Protein backbone atom coordinates (compact mmCIF):
# COMPACT_ATOMS: atom_id res chain seq x y z
CA MET A 1 153.81 -38.81 156.68
CA ARG A 2 151.36 -41.70 156.91
CA GLU A 3 153.71 -43.54 159.27
CA LEU A 4 153.91 -40.46 161.49
CA ASP A 5 150.15 -40.01 161.49
CA ASP A 6 149.43 -43.67 162.26
CA GLU A 7 151.85 -43.77 165.17
CA LYS A 8 150.57 -40.46 166.51
CA ALA A 9 147.00 -41.77 166.45
CA ALA A 10 148.07 -44.92 168.31
CA LEU A 11 149.90 -42.78 170.89
CA ASN A 12 146.82 -40.67 171.49
CA GLU A 13 144.73 -43.77 172.17
CA SER A 14 147.36 -45.06 174.60
CA LEU A 15 147.43 -41.70 176.38
CA LYS A 16 143.65 -41.82 176.87
CA THR A 17 143.95 -45.25 178.47
CA VAL A 18 146.88 -44.27 180.70
CA ARG A 19 145.12 -41.12 181.93
CA SER A 20 142.03 -43.14 182.76
CA GLU A 21 144.25 -45.56 184.71
CA ILE A 22 145.83 -42.63 186.57
CA GLN A 23 142.42 -41.34 187.61
CA SER A 24 141.38 -44.81 188.73
CA GLN A 25 144.61 -45.26 190.72
CA ARG A 26 144.18 -41.91 192.49
CA GLU A 27 140.66 -42.98 193.39
CA THR A 28 142.02 -46.24 194.83
CA ILE A 29 144.51 -44.32 196.97
CA THR A 30 141.95 -41.81 198.27
CA ILE A 31 139.54 -44.60 199.22
CA THR A 32 142.33 -46.53 200.94
CA LEU A 33 143.66 -43.54 202.88
CA LEU A 34 140.22 -42.14 203.71
CA PRO A 35 137.88 -45.08 204.45
CA ASP A 36 135.78 -42.70 206.58
CA ALA A 37 135.59 -39.05 207.61
CA ASP A 38 136.55 -39.58 211.24
CA ALA A 39 138.97 -36.97 212.61
CA THR A 40 141.54 -39.65 213.49
CA THR A 41 141.39 -41.06 209.97
CA VAL A 42 141.81 -37.60 208.47
CA SER A 43 144.77 -36.88 210.72
CA GLN A 44 146.43 -40.14 209.65
CA ALA A 45 145.85 -39.27 205.97
CA VAL A 46 147.53 -35.90 206.53
CA ASP A 47 150.55 -37.63 208.08
CA GLU A 48 150.87 -39.87 205.03
CA THR A 49 150.17 -37.33 202.28
CA ALA A 50 150.98 -33.85 203.67
CA ALA A 51 147.50 -32.77 202.50
CA THR A 52 147.28 -30.22 205.31
CA VAL A 53 144.05 -28.72 203.99
CA LEU A 54 142.06 -31.80 205.04
CA PRO A 55 141.62 -30.95 208.77
CA GLU A 56 140.51 -27.43 207.90
CA GLN A 57 137.97 -28.78 205.45
CA LEU A 58 136.71 -31.30 208.01
CA ARG A 59 136.17 -28.50 210.53
CA ALA A 60 134.30 -26.48 207.91
CA LEU A 61 132.06 -29.47 207.15
CA GLN A 62 131.34 -30.01 210.85
CA ALA A 63 130.49 -26.32 211.23
CA GLU A 64 128.16 -26.59 208.26
CA LEU A 65 126.48 -29.57 209.91
CA GLU A 66 125.91 -27.57 213.09
CA ALA A 67 124.49 -24.64 211.12
CA THR A 68 122.23 -27.02 209.20
CA ASN A 69 120.86 -28.54 212.40
CA SER A 70 120.17 -25.08 213.80
CA ARG A 71 118.36 -24.00 210.66
CA ILE A 72 116.24 -27.17 210.60
CA GLU A 73 115.24 -26.56 214.22
CA ALA A 74 114.29 -22.96 213.42
CA ILE A 75 112.16 -24.02 210.44
CA GLU A 76 110.39 -26.69 212.48
CA THR A 77 109.23 -24.04 214.98
CA ASP A 78 108.00 -21.64 212.30
CA GLU A 79 104.19 -21.40 212.22
CA ALA A 80 104.19 -21.06 208.44
CA PHE A 81 106.03 -24.40 208.14
CA LEU A 82 103.91 -26.13 210.77
CA THR A 83 100.70 -25.24 208.91
CA SER A 84 102.12 -25.66 205.40
CA ALA A 85 100.44 -28.99 204.79
CA GLU A 86 97.04 -27.31 205.20
CA THR A 87 97.82 -23.96 203.58
CA LEU A 88 99.51 -25.41 200.50
CA ASP A 89 97.03 -28.20 199.84
CA PRO A 90 96.24 -27.94 196.10
CA THR A 91 92.49 -28.34 196.71
CA THR A 92 91.66 -26.82 200.08
CA GLY A 93 94.80 -24.92 201.12
CA THR A 94 94.13 -21.30 202.09
CA LEU A 95 97.24 -19.99 200.38
CA GLN A 96 96.50 -22.03 197.29
CA LEU A 97 92.91 -20.74 197.21
CA ALA A 98 94.07 -17.14 197.72
CA LEU A 99 96.49 -17.50 194.84
CA THR A 100 93.86 -19.03 192.57
CA THR A 101 91.27 -16.38 193.48
CA THR A 102 93.56 -13.37 192.94
CA GLU A 103 94.89 -14.71 189.66
CA ALA A 104 91.31 -15.18 188.45
CA ALA A 105 90.56 -11.57 189.44
CA VAL A 106 93.51 -10.40 187.36
CA GLU A 107 92.17 -12.32 184.38
CA ARG A 108 88.71 -10.80 184.73
CA ALA A 109 90.12 -7.27 185.06
CA SER A 110 92.21 -7.83 181.95
CA LEU A 111 89.15 -8.89 179.97
CA GLU A 112 87.33 -5.79 181.22
CA ILE A 113 90.10 -3.55 179.90
CA ASP A 114 90.23 -5.42 176.60
CA GLY A 115 86.55 -4.60 176.08
CA PHE A 116 87.33 -0.89 175.90
CA GLU A 117 90.36 -1.02 173.67
CA THR A 118 88.86 -0.56 170.24
CA GLU A 119 90.83 1.45 167.72
CA ALA A 120 88.42 4.42 167.71
CA PHE A 121 88.10 4.58 171.52
CA LEU A 122 91.85 4.45 172.10
CA TRP A 123 92.45 7.06 169.41
CA LEU A 124 90.05 9.50 171.09
CA PHE A 125 91.34 8.61 174.58
CA ASN A 126 94.96 9.22 173.60
CA ARG A 127 93.96 12.59 172.05
CA ARG A 128 92.41 13.46 175.47
CA TYR A 129 89.11 14.14 173.71
CA HIS A 130 87.31 13.70 177.03
CA GLU A 131 89.23 16.61 178.59
CA PRO A 132 88.07 20.21 177.99
CA THR A 133 90.52 22.24 175.93
CA GLU A 134 90.79 25.86 174.84
CA ASN A 135 92.54 26.31 171.52
CA ASN A 136 94.15 29.57 170.54
CA ALA A 137 93.81 30.98 167.05
CA PHE A 138 96.64 28.86 165.69
CA GLY A 139 95.26 25.75 167.33
CA LYS A 140 91.86 26.35 165.80
CA PHE A 141 93.50 26.92 162.43
CA MET A 142 95.40 23.61 162.66
CA ARG A 143 92.25 21.72 163.60
CA VAL A 144 90.60 23.10 160.45
CA VAL A 145 93.60 22.28 158.28
CA THR A 146 93.94 18.72 159.66
CA LEU A 147 90.20 18.07 159.51
CA ALA A 148 90.36 17.20 163.23
CA ASN A 149 86.63 17.76 163.84
CA ARG A 150 85.68 15.48 160.99
CA ARG A 151 88.00 12.69 162.16
CA GLU A 152 86.83 13.01 165.77
CA GLN A 153 83.17 12.82 164.75
CA ARG A 154 83.90 9.75 162.65
CA ALA A 155 85.64 8.08 165.65
CA LEU A 156 82.77 9.06 167.98
CA ALA A 157 80.29 7.47 165.60
CA SER A 158 82.31 4.25 165.71
CA VAL A 159 82.40 4.39 169.53
CA ARG A 160 78.60 4.96 169.72
CA GLU A 161 78.02 2.03 167.42
CA HIS A 162 80.29 -0.28 169.42
CA PHE A 163 79.35 0.71 172.99
CA GLY A 164 75.76 1.89 172.43
CA THR A 165 76.22 5.23 174.17
CA GLU A 166 77.08 8.79 173.24
CA ASP A 167 78.58 9.65 176.65
CA PHE A 168 82.28 9.31 175.84
CA LYS A 169 83.27 10.85 179.20
CA ALA A 170 81.34 8.14 181.05
CA LEU A 171 83.12 5.49 178.96
CA VAL A 172 86.48 7.01 179.87
CA ASP A 173 85.57 6.94 183.57
CA ASP A 174 84.61 3.28 183.29
CA TYR A 175 87.85 2.54 181.42
CA GLN A 176 90.02 4.23 184.04
CA THR A 177 88.14 2.40 186.80
CA ALA A 178 88.87 -0.90 185.00
CA ILE A 179 92.58 0.00 184.80
CA GLN A 180 92.70 0.76 188.52
CA ALA A 181 90.86 -2.48 189.30
CA HIS A 182 93.34 -4.40 187.20
CA GLN A 183 96.26 -2.80 189.01
CA SER A 184 94.74 -3.63 192.39
CA ALA A 185 94.15 -7.22 191.27
CA LEU A 186 97.79 -7.50 190.15
CA GLU A 187 99.04 -6.26 193.49
CA ALA A 188 96.80 -8.67 195.41
CA ALA A 189 97.91 -11.57 193.21
CA ASP A 190 101.55 -10.59 193.70
CA ARG A 191 101.12 -10.59 197.50
CA ALA A 192 99.41 -13.96 197.37
CA ARG A 193 102.14 -15.35 195.16
CA GLN A 194 104.92 -14.07 197.45
CA THR A 195 103.26 -15.58 200.52
CA TYR A 196 102.68 -18.89 198.76
CA ASP A 197 106.24 -19.01 197.38
CA ALA A 198 107.77 -18.14 200.76
CA VAL A 199 106.03 -21.06 202.48
CA ARG A 200 106.83 -23.38 199.57
CA ALA A 201 110.50 -22.34 199.74
CA LEU A 202 110.53 -23.02 203.48
CA VAL A 203 109.20 -26.54 202.92
CA GLU A 204 111.72 -27.21 200.15
CA GLN A 205 114.62 -25.86 202.21
CA HIS A 206 113.65 -28.09 205.12
CA ALA A 207 113.63 -31.10 202.80
CA GLU A 208 116.99 -30.24 201.21
CA LEU A 209 118.68 -29.57 204.56
CA GLY A 210 117.26 -32.75 206.01
CA LYS A 211 118.54 -34.76 203.07
CA TRP A 212 122.00 -33.22 203.39
CA ARG A 213 122.07 -33.93 207.14
CA ASP A 214 120.92 -37.52 206.65
CA ASN A 215 123.69 -38.08 204.08
CA TYR A 216 126.33 -36.04 205.91
CA ASP A 217 128.74 -38.93 206.45
CA ALA A 218 128.81 -39.92 202.76
CA LEU A 219 128.83 -36.34 201.45
CA SER A 220 131.59 -35.15 203.79
CA LEU A 221 133.70 -38.19 202.92
CA GLU A 222 133.21 -37.48 199.21
CA LYS A 223 134.35 -33.87 199.69
CA LEU A 224 137.44 -34.93 201.63
CA ARG A 225 138.35 -37.52 199.00
CA GLU A 226 137.96 -34.90 196.24
CA THR A 227 140.35 -32.64 198.14
CA LEU A 228 142.85 -35.45 198.59
CA ASP A 229 142.55 -36.30 194.89
CA ASP A 230 143.34 -32.67 194.01
CA HIS A 231 146.40 -32.88 196.28
CA LEU A 232 147.61 -36.06 194.57
CA GLN A 233 147.33 -34.37 191.19
CA SER A 234 149.60 -31.51 192.22
CA CYS A 235 152.01 -33.00 194.76
CA ASP A 236 155.47 -34.44 194.11
CA LEU A 237 154.79 -38.17 193.81
CA THR A 238 158.35 -39.06 194.79
CA GLU A 239 157.90 -37.16 198.05
CA PHE A 240 154.48 -38.76 198.48
CA TYR A 241 156.03 -42.22 198.11
CA GLY A 242 158.62 -41.37 200.74
CA GLN A 243 156.02 -40.10 203.19
CA VAL A 244 153.27 -42.68 202.84
CA SER A 245 153.32 -45.75 205.08
CA GLN A 246 154.76 -49.05 203.88
CA THR A 247 151.25 -50.45 203.54
CA HIS A 248 150.38 -47.95 200.83
CA ARG A 249 153.70 -47.66 199.03
CA GLY A 250 152.73 -50.16 196.37
CA ASP A 251 149.79 -47.97 195.33
CA ALA A 252 152.02 -44.86 195.46
CA ALA A 253 154.65 -46.52 193.26
CA LYS A 254 152.01 -47.55 190.71
CA LEU A 255 150.65 -43.99 190.56
CA HIS A 256 154.18 -42.71 189.99
CA ALA A 257 154.74 -45.26 187.22
CA LEU A 258 151.49 -44.31 185.48
CA SER A 259 152.35 -40.61 185.71
CA LYS A 260 155.71 -41.36 184.07
CA LYS A 261 153.94 -43.29 181.34
CA ASP A 262 151.83 -40.19 180.69
CA GLU A 263 154.92 -37.98 180.67
CA TYR A 264 156.91 -40.18 178.29
CA LEU A 265 154.06 -40.85 175.87
CA THR A 266 153.25 -37.13 175.80
CA SER A 267 156.90 -36.41 174.93
CA LEU A 268 156.73 -38.92 172.08
CA ASP A 269 153.52 -37.31 170.83
CA ARG A 270 155.14 -33.87 170.80
CA TYR A 271 158.15 -35.27 168.95
CA LEU A 272 155.96 -36.81 166.24
CA LYS A 273 154.14 -33.50 165.83
CA ARG A 274 157.46 -31.70 165.29
CA GLU A 275 158.51 -34.31 162.74
CA ARG A 276 155.20 -34.06 160.90
CA ASP A 277 155.37 -30.26 160.83
CA ASP A 278 158.90 -30.52 159.43
CA ARG A 279 157.77 -32.81 156.59
CA ALA A 280 154.85 -30.54 155.79
CA THR A 281 157.22 -27.55 155.55
CA ARG A 282 159.47 -29.42 153.12
CA ILE A 283 156.58 -30.44 150.92
CA ALA A 284 155.41 -26.83 150.86
CA SER A 285 158.92 -25.74 149.75
CA ILE A 286 158.86 -28.16 146.84
CA GLN A 287 155.36 -27.07 145.88
CA SER A 288 156.54 -23.46 145.88
CA VAL A 289 159.39 -24.31 143.52
CA LYS A 290 157.03 -26.24 141.28
CA GLN A 291 154.69 -23.24 141.01
CA LYS A 292 157.60 -20.97 140.10
CA TRP A 293 158.75 -23.41 137.42
CA GLN A 294 155.29 -23.60 135.90
CA ARG A 295 155.65 -19.91 135.14
CA ARG A 296 158.93 -20.61 133.23
CA PRO A 297 158.34 -23.92 131.46
CA GLY A 298 160.57 -23.07 128.49
CA ASP A 299 163.84 -22.53 130.37
CA ALA A 300 166.72 -24.77 129.51
CA LEU A 301 167.54 -27.32 132.23
CA ARG A 302 171.01 -28.23 133.37
CA GLY A 303 172.66 -30.12 136.19
CA ASP A 304 172.30 -33.34 138.06
CA LYS A 305 168.96 -33.69 139.80
CA THR A 306 169.86 -36.86 141.68
CA ARG A 307 170.63 -35.25 145.05
CA TRP A 308 167.54 -33.11 145.41
CA LEU A 309 164.94 -35.33 143.72
CA LYS A 310 166.20 -38.73 144.80
CA THR A 311 169.03 -38.93 147.31
CA THR A 312 167.74 -36.38 149.83
CA PRO A 313 164.09 -37.58 149.84
CA GLU A 314 165.24 -41.19 150.18
CA MET A 315 167.44 -40.20 153.11
CA LYS A 316 164.58 -38.36 154.74
CA ARG A 317 162.18 -41.25 154.18
CA ALA A 318 164.65 -43.75 155.63
CA GLY A 319 165.32 -41.41 158.55
CA THR A 320 161.60 -40.99 159.21
CA ARG A 321 161.04 -44.75 159.12
CA LYS A 322 163.93 -45.28 161.53
CA ARG A 323 162.75 -42.61 163.98
CA VAL A 324 159.13 -43.78 163.87
CA GLY A 325 160.41 -47.29 164.61
CA TRP A 326 162.28 -46.01 167.66
CA VAL A 327 159.21 -44.10 168.83
CA ARG A 328 157.08 -47.21 168.35
CA THR A 329 159.52 -49.28 170.44
CA ILE A 330 159.50 -46.80 173.33
CA HIS A 331 155.72 -46.49 173.05
CA HIS A 332 155.25 -50.25 173.21
CA ASN A 333 157.63 -50.86 176.12
CA VAL A 334 156.30 -47.99 178.20
CA TYR A 335 152.59 -48.54 177.54
CA HIS A 336 152.59 -52.32 178.09
CA TYR A 337 154.71 -52.28 181.24
CA ASP A 338 152.55 -53.64 184.08
CA ASP A 339 154.84 -55.20 186.73
CA TYR A 340 154.42 -52.54 189.39
CA ASP A 341 156.03 -54.66 192.09
CA HIS A 342 159.16 -54.67 189.93
CA TYR A 343 158.76 -50.92 189.45
CA GLN A 344 158.60 -50.31 193.19
CA THR A 345 161.70 -52.43 193.75
CA ARG A 346 163.77 -50.77 191.01
CA TRP A 347 162.50 -47.21 191.22
CA ALA A 348 162.30 -47.22 195.06
CA GLY A 349 161.10 -43.69 195.39
CA GLY A 350 163.54 -42.03 193.03
CA SER A 351 166.75 -44.07 193.08
CA TYR A 352 166.23 -45.53 189.59
CA LEU A 353 164.92 -43.75 186.49
CA ALA A 354 161.40 -44.77 185.48
CA TYR A 355 162.46 -45.01 181.83
CA ASP A 356 165.22 -47.50 182.67
CA THR A 357 162.77 -49.49 184.80
CA PHE A 358 160.37 -49.76 181.85
CA ALA A 359 163.26 -50.72 179.59
CA GLU A 360 164.33 -53.65 181.79
CA LEU A 361 161.14 -55.62 181.12
CA GLY A 362 160.47 -54.30 177.63
CA ASP A 363 159.68 -56.72 174.84
CA GLU A 364 162.13 -54.87 172.59
CA ARG A 365 165.44 -53.18 173.23
CA MET A 366 165.05 -49.44 173.71
CA PRO A 367 166.67 -47.08 171.14
CA TYR A 368 170.10 -45.70 171.93
CA ASP A 369 170.31 -42.73 174.27
CA GLY A 370 171.46 -40.29 171.59
CA PHE A 371 167.89 -40.32 170.28
CA THR A 372 165.96 -40.82 173.50
CA ARG A 373 167.62 -38.08 175.54
CA ASP A 374 166.57 -35.51 172.91
CA VAL A 375 162.97 -36.74 172.91
CA ILE A 376 162.35 -37.45 176.60
CA GLU A 377 163.56 -34.72 178.93
CA ASP A 378 163.71 -37.09 181.89
CA VAL A 379 166.33 -39.22 180.15
CA GLY A 380 168.40 -36.25 179.02
CA SER A 381 168.51 -34.76 182.53
CA ASP A 382 169.39 -38.09 184.13
CA ARG A 383 172.24 -38.81 181.72
CA ALA A 384 173.61 -35.27 182.07
CA ASP A 385 173.50 -35.48 185.87
CA ARG A 386 175.40 -38.78 185.79
CA GLU A 387 177.70 -37.56 182.97
CA ILE A 388 176.67 -40.40 180.69
CA PHE A 389 176.99 -39.48 177.04
CA PRO A 390 175.65 -41.29 173.96
CA THR A 391 177.98 -43.50 171.95
CA ASP A 392 178.88 -42.72 168.36
CA GLU A 393 177.44 -46.02 167.15
CA ILE A 394 174.49 -44.51 165.27
CA ASP A 395 175.50 -40.87 165.23
CA MET A 396 176.67 -40.99 161.61
CA ASP A 397 173.19 -41.86 160.29
CA LEU A 398 171.65 -38.99 162.21
CA GLU A 399 174.37 -36.60 161.06
CA ILE A 400 173.62 -37.43 157.44
CA ASP A 401 169.95 -36.67 158.05
CA ASP A 402 170.80 -33.38 159.74
CA VAL A 403 173.02 -32.29 156.84
CA ALA A 404 170.23 -33.16 154.47
CA ASP A 405 167.89 -31.05 156.57
CA GLU A 406 170.16 -28.00 156.39
CA THR A 407 170.77 -28.16 152.65
CA PHE A 408 167.27 -29.13 151.58
CA GLU A 409 165.81 -25.67 151.13
CA LEU A 410 168.91 -24.46 149.30
CA ALA A 411 168.65 -27.42 146.96
CA ALA A 412 164.99 -26.65 146.37
CA ALA A 413 165.80 -23.06 145.49
CA ASN A 414 168.46 -24.13 142.99
CA ALA A 415 166.10 -26.60 141.39
CA LEU A 416 164.61 -23.95 139.14
CA ALA A 417 167.57 -24.44 136.84
CA GLU A 418 168.02 -28.16 137.36
CA GLU A 419 164.85 -30.21 137.80
CA SER A 420 161.61 -31.30 136.12
CA LEU A 421 158.01 -31.05 137.28
CA ASP A 422 157.65 -34.85 137.28
CA GLY A 423 160.66 -35.11 139.55
CA MET A 424 159.12 -32.67 142.00
CA ASP A 425 155.92 -34.71 142.21
CA ASP A 426 157.97 -37.84 142.95
CA THR A 427 159.88 -35.97 145.64
CA MET A 428 156.72 -34.82 147.39
CA GLU A 429 155.37 -38.38 147.24
CA ASP A 430 158.55 -39.69 148.86
CA LEU A 431 158.31 -37.18 151.70
CA SER A 432 154.64 -37.83 152.36
């Protein structure tokens, strides 16, 4: 499995590079087709790409520009904005001073309240000691039982000692006045904060809108190019090649070639994953048999273990090496292909299969179609459409591997009566 893992890792690195090249090529095309955001330029880009959403987006951007200009004009006539430099000045601004003053009043009122909130005072206040009450017989009884009078007198003594007065009702009045003052201070501070924030927001909005208006040409062009890029990601690149002007067909052909590289390398990656999963399943089967045997170590052993412990693993290992070699060849030829003028000439918008175009200039001869058409869907569909079928030249080797695949689990199951633990370990080593 090390060969499979190594090749899969190399494929993943190649895919990262190819996808980065695809993104870069799309960017090249969008810049070429949309050098500016002029309506004529946008119309020409639509003719060449069928990205019909572009004119609608341009109209939306122009409408946004008009709305922005109107809003800027409205802000610049607002008295609050016109006087903002004076009112928001951190040292002398009236709004800033109002905010500072009201927040200081809140702080003072809070300290005033804190001065009353001793444990004894709050306990008496929450018991409504300052309010006259008339207890019925049961209430009087409960006050005696709970020693209420004694506890209240003890709390009053603590209050007298702390505040220097015996008039608890007067203290309560002062406390409630402090609470009301604090609430009034909070409301005043909140109004000052809202006024200050509203003017500050107006100034910031004016700055943001002005910046957007000043950079409208660049920002609108960026939006249009993003939309065109989205279109290129989803459109049929063969149709795009056929629609774009001759001047831009070279770029369109290169984008198509890179997308096919991505497609083919992704297919190879999926194939290697299937092969690796298959090997892991086989190793697990052998491990299962080994565990069963360990529970019956004294059984007599019979039979020839050559097929299961030697022949089949060697066949699988040879088959894996052969297939990984084929994958590596396709990977190399596809990834390193870089003659996009040749690609445009041979592929010509769909008349020649991308895979065959890559193969023409490959450093190594591509594997035979009997393997490739099962791994790369593009090849299988093309050969089926043209009624081209693989030769029998290498079919026998693959058939042997397939037979080994089908009989492997049965052989593993029968091994309980035939094989040794050492042999199983060797088998798992061969497969891995």
